[in-house]
C-alpha atoms as a PDB file:
ATOM      1  CA  MET A   1     -35.126 -14.831  31.222  1.00  0.00           C
ATOM      2  CA  GLU A   2     -37.766 -12.984  29.374  1.00  0.00           C
ATOM      3  CA  LEU A   3     -37.323  -9.025  28.859  1.00  0.00           C
ATOM      4  CA  GLY A   4     -40.718  -8.405  30.341  1.00  0.00           C
ATOM      5  CA  ARG A   5     -39.839  -9.954  33.987  1.00  0.00           C
ATOM      6  CA  ARG A   6     -38.808  -6.595  35.425  1.00  0.00           C
ATOM      7  CA  VAL A   7     -38.148  -6.743  39.047  1.00  0.00           C
ATOM      8  CA  GLY A   8     -37.903  -3.872  41.262  1.00  0.00           C
ATOM      9  CA  CYS A   9     -38.120  -1.163  38.473  1.00  0.00           C
ATOM     10  CA  PRO A  10     -41.036   1.399  38.959  1.00  0.00           C
ATOM     11  CA  GLY A  11     -42.841   2.238  35.608  1.00  0.00           C
ATOM     12  CA  MET A  12     -41.195  -0.750  34.031  1.00  0.00           C
ATOM     13  CA  ASP A  13     -44.088  -3.163  34.683  1.00  0.00           C
ATOM     14  CA  PHE A  14     -44.599  -4.948  31.291  1.00  0.00           C
ATOM     15  CA  ASP A  15     -46.301  -8.413  31.123  1.00  0.00           C
ATOM     16  CA  SER A  16     -44.575  -9.781  28.010  1.00  0.00           C
ATOM     17  CA  ASP A  17     -41.789  -8.885  25.666  1.00  0.00           C
ATOM     18  CA  ALA A  18     -44.325  -8.070  22.996  1.00  0.00           C
ATOM     19  CA  GLU A  19     -45.306  -5.032  25.406  1.00  0.00           C
ATOM     20  CA  ILE A  20     -41.783  -3.980  25.706  1.00  0.00           C
ATOM     21  CA  MET A  21     -41.344  -4.012  21.827  1.00  0.00           C
ATOM     22  CA  GLU A  22     -44.825  -2.092  21.377  1.00  0.00           C
ATOM     23  CA  GLU A  23     -43.203   0.830  23.639  1.00  0.00           C
ATOM     24  CA  ILE A  24     -40.150   0.673  21.566  1.00  0.00           C
ATOM     25  CA  SER A  25     -42.099   1.055  18.372  1.00  0.00           C
ATOM     26  CA  LEU A  26     -44.037   3.989  19.732  1.00  0.00           C
ATOM     27  CA  LEU A  27     -40.793   6.005  20.872  1.00  0.00           C
ATOM     28  CA  ALA A  28     -38.214   4.771  17.994  1.00  0.00           C
ATOM     29  CA  PRO A  29     -39.339   5.644  14.536  1.00  0.00           C
ATOM     30  CA  ILE A  30     -36.675   3.521  13.022  1.00  0.00           C
ATOM     31  CA  TYR A  31     -38.477   0.697  14.687  1.00  0.00           C
ATOM     32  CA  GLY A  32     -42.000   1.889  14.184  1.00  0.00           C
ATOM     33  CA  GLY A  33     -43.332  -1.155  12.488  1.00  0.00           C
ATOM     34  CA  MET A  34     -41.405  -3.694  14.733  1.00  0.00           C
ATOM     35  CA  HIS A  35     -44.537  -5.113  16.503  1.00  0.00           C
ATOM     36  CA  TYR A  36     -44.245  -8.702  17.401  1.00  0.00           C
ATOM     37  CA  ASP A  37     -46.963  -9.663  14.975  1.00  0.00           C
ATOM     38  CA  HIS A  38     -45.195  -8.017  12.258  1.00  0.00           C
ATOM     39  CA  LEU A  39     -42.094  -9.650  13.382  1.00  0.00           C
ATOM     40  CA  ALA A  40     -43.436 -13.104  13.154  1.00  0.00           C
ATOM     41  CA  GLU A  41     -44.867 -12.831   9.959  1.00  0.00           C
ATOM     42  CA  ASN A  42     -41.637 -12.036   8.174  1.00  0.00           C
ATOM     43  CA  HIS A  43     -39.335 -13.991  10.311  1.00  0.00           C
ATOM     44  CA  GLY A  44     -37.603 -11.090  11.696  1.00  0.00           C
ATOM     45  CA  LEU A  45     -37.016  -7.415  10.369  1.00  0.00           C
ATOM     46  CA  GLN A  46     -34.040  -5.273   9.759  1.00  0.00           C
ATOM     47  CA  TRP A  47     -34.197  -1.621  10.730  1.00  0.00           C
ATOM     48  CA  PRO A  48     -35.449   0.662   9.624  1.00  0.00           C
ATOM     49  CA  CYS A  49     -38.887  -0.228   9.449  1.00  0.00           C
ATOM     50  CA  PRO A  50     -40.976   2.695   9.868  1.00  0.00           C
ATOM     51  CA  ASP A  51     -44.731   1.110  10.109  1.00  0.00           C
ATOM     52  CA  ARG A  52     -46.411  -2.137   9.692  1.00  0.00           C
ATOM     53  CA  HIS A  53     -46.525  -2.032   6.029  1.00  0.00           C
ATOM     54  CA  HIS A  54     -42.749  -1.721   5.593  1.00  0.00           C
ATOM     55  CA  PRO A  55     -40.901  -4.792   4.716  1.00  0.00           C
ATOM     56  CA  GLY A  56     -37.921  -3.794   6.423  1.00  0.00           C
ATOM     57  CA  THR A  57     -34.775  -2.643   5.145  1.00  0.00           C
ATOM     58  CA  GLU A  58     -32.228  -5.487   3.688  1.00  0.00           C
ATOM     59  CA  PHE A  59     -29.071  -3.328   4.003  1.00  0.00           C
ATOM     60  CA  LEU A  60     -28.314   0.296   4.488  1.00  0.00           C
ATOM     61  CA  HIS A  61     -26.295   2.527   1.782  1.00  0.00           C
ATOM     62  CA  LYS A  62     -26.541   0.422  -1.207  1.00  0.00           C
ATOM     63  CA  TYR A  63     -26.050   2.993  -3.732  1.00  0.00           C
ATOM     64  CA  TYR A  64     -25.587   6.187  -2.016  1.00  0.00           C
ATOM     65  CA  PHE A  65     -25.299   7.378   1.820  1.00  0.00           C
ATOM     66  CA  THR A  66     -28.552   8.966   2.894  1.00  0.00           C
ATOM     67  CA  ARG A  67     -26.833  12.240   3.677  1.00  0.00           C
ATOM     68  CA  GLY A  68     -24.714  12.457   0.646  1.00  0.00           C
ATOM     69  CA  LYS A  69     -20.728  12.320   0.762  1.00  0.00           C
ATOM     70  CA  GLY A  70     -18.863  11.980   4.045  1.00  0.00           C
ATOM     71  CA  GLN A  71     -18.949  15.194   6.069  1.00  0.00           C
ATOM     72  CA  PHE A  72     -15.566  16.064   7.934  1.00  0.00           C
ATOM     73  CA  THR A  73     -15.152  18.854  10.430  1.00  0.00           C
ATOM     74  CA  ILE A  74     -11.539  20.135  11.042  1.00  0.00           C
ATOM     75  CA  THR A  75     -10.647  20.740  14.783  1.00  0.00           C
ATOM     76  CA  ARG A  76      -7.750  22.097  16.325  1.00  0.00           C
ATOM     77  CA  HIS A  77      -5.547  19.896  18.754  1.00  0.00           C
ATOM     78  CA  GLN A  78      -6.280  20.662  22.329  1.00  0.00           C
ATOM     79  CA  GLU A  79      -4.242  19.441  25.076  1.00  0.00           C
ATOM     80  CA  PRO A  80      -5.800  17.442  27.994  1.00  0.00           C
ATOM     81  CA  CYS A  81      -7.075  19.378  30.944  1.00  0.00           C
ATOM     82  CA  GLU A  82      -4.736  17.497  33.148  1.00  0.00           C
ATOM     83  CA  GLU A  83      -1.113  17.073  32.031  1.00  0.00           C
ATOM     84  CA  ALA A  84       1.933  15.078  33.871  1.00  0.00           C
ATOM     85  CA  SER A  85       3.723  16.974  36.539  1.00  0.00           C
ATOM     86  CA  LYS A  86       6.461  16.836  38.934  1.00  0.00           C
ATOM     87  CA  LYS A  87       4.315  15.422  41.725  1.00  0.00           C
ATOM     88  CA  PHE A  88       2.235  13.171  39.288  1.00  0.00           C
ATOM     89  CA  PRO A  89       4.721  12.383  36.365  1.00  0.00           C
ATOM     90  CA  PHE A  90       2.730   9.737  34.423  1.00  0.00           C
ATOM     91  CA  THR A  91       0.079  10.007  32.270  1.00  0.00           C
ATOM     92  CA  LEU A  92      -2.784   7.363  32.626  1.00  0.00           C
ATOM     93  CA  VAL A  93      -4.635   6.071  29.762  1.00  0.00           C
ATOM     94  CA  THR A  94      -7.460   4.089  30.415  1.00  0.00           C
ATOM     95  CA  GLY A  95      -9.661   1.386  27.929  1.00  0.00           C
ATOM     96  CA  ARG A  96     -10.375  -1.927  27.101  1.00  0.00           C
ATOM     97  CA  GLY A  97      -7.473  -4.088  28.321  1.00  0.00           C
ATOM     98  CA  SER A  98      -7.631  -7.284  26.043  1.00  0.00           C
ATOM     99  CA  TYR A  99     -10.035  -8.975  23.888  1.00  0.00           C
ATOM    100  CA  HIS A 100     -10.979 -11.342  26.569  1.00  0.00           C
ATOM    101  CA  HIS A 101     -13.063  -8.811  28.359  1.00  0.00           C
ATOM    102  CA  TYR A 102     -15.552  -5.960  27.504  1.00  0.00           C
ATOM    103  CA  HIS A 103     -16.570  -2.985  29.307  1.00  0.00           C
ATOM    104  CA  THR A 104     -17.429  -3.552  32.852  1.00  0.00           C
ATOM    105  CA  ALA A 105     -16.744  -7.619  32.132  1.00  0.00           C
ATOM    106  CA  THR A 106     -20.225  -8.191  34.057  1.00  0.00           C
ATOM    107  CA  MET A 107     -20.707 -10.906  31.202  1.00  0.00           C
ATOM    108  CA  THR A 108     -17.220 -11.931  30.129  1.00  0.00           C
ATOM    109  CA  ARG A 109     -16.019 -12.505  33.807  1.00  0.00           C
ATOM    110  CA  ASN A 110     -18.623 -15.079  34.102  1.00  0.00           C
ATOM    111  CA  SER A 111     -16.686 -17.004  31.419  1.00  0.00           C
ATOM    112  CA  ARG A 112     -14.081 -19.390  33.400  1.00  0.00           C
ATOM    113  CA  ARG A 113     -12.096 -19.640  30.165  1.00  0.00           C
ATOM    114  CA  LEU A 114     -11.835 -15.826  29.615  1.00  0.00           C
ATOM    115  CA  VAL A 115     -11.043 -15.475  33.260  1.00  0.00           C
ATOM    116  CA  ARG A 116      -8.125 -18.011  32.928  1.00  0.00           C
ATOM    117  CA  GLU A 117      -6.820 -15.914  30.038  1.00  0.00           C
ATOM    118  CA  TYR A 118      -7.035 -12.375  31.935  1.00  0.00           C
ATOM    119  CA  PRO A 119      -7.657 -12.925  35.663  1.00  0.00           C
ATOM    120  CA  GLN A 120      -6.850  -9.681  36.957  1.00  0.00           C
ATOM    121  CA  ALA A 121      -6.407  -5.755  36.393  1.00  0.00           C
ATOM    122  CA  LYS A 122      -3.102  -4.890  35.170  1.00  0.00           C
ATOM    123  CA  LEU A 123      -1.239  -1.623  34.953  1.00  0.00           C
ATOM    124  CA  GLU A 124       0.777  -1.768  31.793  1.00  0.00           C
ATOM    125  CA  ILE A 125       4.143   0.110  32.201  1.00  0.00           C
ATOM    126  CA  HIS A 126       7.058   0.875  29.907  1.00  0.00           C
ATOM    127  CA  LYS A 127      10.262  -1.349  31.032  1.00  0.00           C
ATOM    128  CA  ASP A 128      12.200   1.554  31.152  1.00  0.00           C
ATOM    129  CA  ASP A 129      10.066   3.226  33.988  1.00  0.00           C
ATOM    130  CA  CYS A 130      10.051   0.086  35.717  1.00  0.00           C
ATOM    131  CA  ALA A 131      13.941   0.153  35.769  1.00  0.00           C
ATOM    132  CA  GLU A 132      13.664   3.569  37.206  1.00  0.00           C
ATOM    133  CA  LEU A 133      11.309   3.063  39.730  1.00  0.00           C
ATOM    134  CA  ASN A 134      12.757  -0.392  40.521  1.00  0.00           C
ATOM    135  CA  ILE A 135       9.574  -2.190  39.776  1.00  0.00           C
ATOM    136  CA  VAL A 136       9.500  -5.758  38.519  1.00  0.00           C
ATOM    137  CA  ASN A 137       6.865  -7.528  36.235  1.00  0.00           C
ATOM    138  CA  GLY A 138       3.901  -8.592  38.492  1.00  0.00           C
ATOM    139  CA  GLU A 139       4.723  -6.284  41.505  1.00  0.00           C
ATOM    140  CA  MET A 140       1.823  -4.708  43.325  1.00  0.00           C
ATOM    141  CA  VAL A 141       1.892  -0.938  43.382  1.00  0.00           C
ATOM    142  CA  GLU A 142      -0.128   2.085  44.371  1.00  0.00           C
ATOM    143  CA  LEU A 143      -1.480   4.440  41.474  1.00  0.00           C
ATOM    144  CA  HIS A 144      -3.046   7.535  42.585  1.00  0.00           C
ATOM    145  CA  SER A 145      -4.064  10.815  41.122  1.00  0.00           C
ATOM    146  CA  LYS A 146      -5.511  14.282  42.862  1.00  0.00           C
ATOM    147  CA  ARG A 147      -8.716  12.279  43.362  1.00  0.00           C
ATOM    148  CA  GLY A 148      -7.918   8.748  44.704  1.00  0.00           C
ATOM    149  CA  ALA A 149      -5.784   5.840  44.387  1.00  0.00           C
ATOM    150  CA  VAL A 150      -5.984   2.184  43.581  1.00  0.00           C
ATOM    151  CA  ARG A 151      -3.676  -0.976  44.108  1.00  0.00           C
ATOM    152  CA  ILE A 152      -3.131  -2.544  40.921  1.00  0.00           C
ATOM    153  CA  CYS A 153      -0.388  -5.372  39.410  1.00  0.00           C
ATOM    154  CA  THR A 154       2.071  -4.171  36.817  1.00  0.00           C
ATOM    155  CA  GLN A 155       3.021  -5.707  33.712  1.00  0.00           C
ATOM    156  CA  VAL A 156       6.139  -4.590  32.017  1.00  0.00           C
ATOM    157  CA  THR A 157       5.518  -3.957  28.569  1.00  0.00           C
ATOM    158  CA  ASP A 158       6.682  -1.880  25.358  1.00  0.00           C
ATOM    159  CA  ARG A 159       3.144  -1.634  24.260  1.00  0.00           C
ATOM    160  CA  VAL A 160       3.013   2.154  25.973  1.00  0.00           C
ATOM    161  CA  LYS A 161       5.636   4.791  25.753  1.00  0.00           C
ATOM    162  CA  PRO A 162       7.727   5.906  28.748  1.00  0.00           C
ATOM    163  CA  GLY A 163       5.935   8.220  30.804  1.00  0.00           C
ATOM    164  CA  THR A 164       2.640   6.699  29.755  1.00  0.00           C
ATOM    165  CA  VAL A 165       0.547   3.776  31.615  1.00  0.00           C
ATOM    166  CA  PHE A 166      -2.426   2.076  30.644  1.00  0.00           C
ATOM    167  CA  SER A 167      -5.025   0.026  32.500  1.00  0.00           C
ATOM    168  CA  SER A 168      -8.457  -1.196  31.889  1.00  0.00           C
ATOM    169  CA  PHE A 169     -11.844  -0.583  33.480  1.00  0.00           C
ATOM    170  CA  HIS A 170     -12.724  -4.311  33.694  1.00  0.00           C
ATOM    171  CA  PHE A 171     -12.284  -5.139  37.124  1.00  0.00           C
ATOM    172  CA  PHE A 172     -14.464  -3.677  39.881  1.00  0.00           C
ATOM    173  CA  GLU A 173     -11.609  -4.611  42.380  1.00  0.00           C
ATOM    174  CA  VAL A 174      -9.646  -2.079  40.849  1.00  0.00           C
ATOM    175  CA  PRO A 175     -11.874   0.926  40.421  1.00  0.00           C
ATOM    176  CA  ILE A 176      -9.747   2.756  38.030  1.00  0.00           C
ATOM    177  CA  ASN A 177     -12.234   5.389  37.310  1.00  0.00           C
ATOM    178  CA  ARG A 178     -11.561   6.681  40.864  1.00  0.00           C
ATOM    179  CA  LEU A 179      -8.443   8.138  39.486  1.00  0.00           C
ATOM    180  CA  THR A 180      -9.850   9.952  36.352  1.00  0.00           C
ATOM    181  CA  ILE A 181     -11.032  13.508  35.888  1.00  0.00           C
ATOM    182  CA  ASP A 182     -14.503  14.801  35.113  1.00  0.00           C
ATOM    183  CA  ALA A 183     -13.381  17.465  32.518  1.00  0.00           C
ATOM    184  CA  MET A 184     -15.436  17.602  29.217  1.00  0.00           C
ATOM    185  CA  ASP A 185     -14.568  18.359  25.699  1.00  0.00           C
ATOM    186  CA  PRO A 186     -15.935  22.040  25.129  1.00  0.00           C
ATOM    187  CA  LYS A 187     -17.624  20.893  21.992  1.00  0.00           C
ATOM    188  CA  SER A 188     -18.512  17.497  21.838  1.00  0.00           C
ATOM    189  CA  LYS A 189     -19.275  17.331  25.735  1.00  0.00           C
ATOM    190  CA  CYS A 190     -17.508  13.908  25.791  1.00  0.00           C
ATOM    191  CA  PRO A 191     -15.873  13.476  29.226  1.00  0.00           C
ATOM    192  CA  GLU A 192     -12.188  13.516  29.195  1.00  0.00           C
ATOM    193  CA  PHE A 193     -11.831  10.549  31.858  1.00  0.00           C
ATOM    194  CA  LYS A 194      -9.261   8.525  29.492  1.00  0.00           C
ATOM    195  CA  VAL A 195      -6.455  10.651  30.244  1.00  0.00           C
ATOM    196  CA  CYS A 196      -5.030  11.972  33.716  1.00  0.00           C
ATOM    197  CA  ALA A 197      -1.986  12.480  35.794  1.00  0.00           C
ATOM    198  CA  VAL A 198      -0.894   9.805  38.152  1.00  0.00           C
ATOM    199  CA  ALA A 199       1.929   8.893  40.401  1.00  0.00           C
ATOM    200  CA  ILE A 200       3.210   5.481  41.260  1.00  0.00           C
ATOM    201  CA  ARG A 201       4.340   4.188  44.403  1.00  0.00           C
ATOM    202  CA  LYS A 202       5.755   0.797  45.565  1.00  0.00           C
ATOM    203  CA  VAL A 203       3.466  -0.912  47.944  1.00  0.00           C
ATOM    204  CA  SER A 204       5.338  -1.309  51.230  1.00  0.00           C
ATOM    205  CA  HIS A 205       5.130  -5.039  52.521  1.00  0.00           C
ATOM    206  CA  ASP A 206       5.916  -4.329  56.030  1.00  0.00           C
END
């Protein structure tokens, strides 16, 4: 599918891939010279390429870094906004669950082989916590926080520490971000959506 074929996107009516690249070159200085005719003449270009006369950059930082030596900033450790409690005794950490899937898996779950290797969302939980909760590997549980709940299959492991559970955000059937918090780091403004307090409840089969 050509990049220029935009359907139902107001303001994105491009007639060709070249028109899209033309707009990118106008808006992003590092791609300023990457017009389609210039790309064709050079069999491709590497950024930064600020104008039509620039040959492209073979590679960055050959002899030195542009900004000089590395810049490090020391910060003090800050506890997460929401910590485990008696009602929500586990800390949920979210991330990429395996090398089979990426982000929301909109592409990787179109591969039968990748789906075969990692077919469903899993809640990684330490074996000691499983023993205390009387949970067995592969059992369905309800994971809930102050903001919502999801049902998810357990995976007994020692990859996580007792008191901590892990799950990915690859599977829309288990929208794990319903549980996470919208607090933000006061300096970087990054959302604190990877750590929150949760409880685990066995699912009744009645």
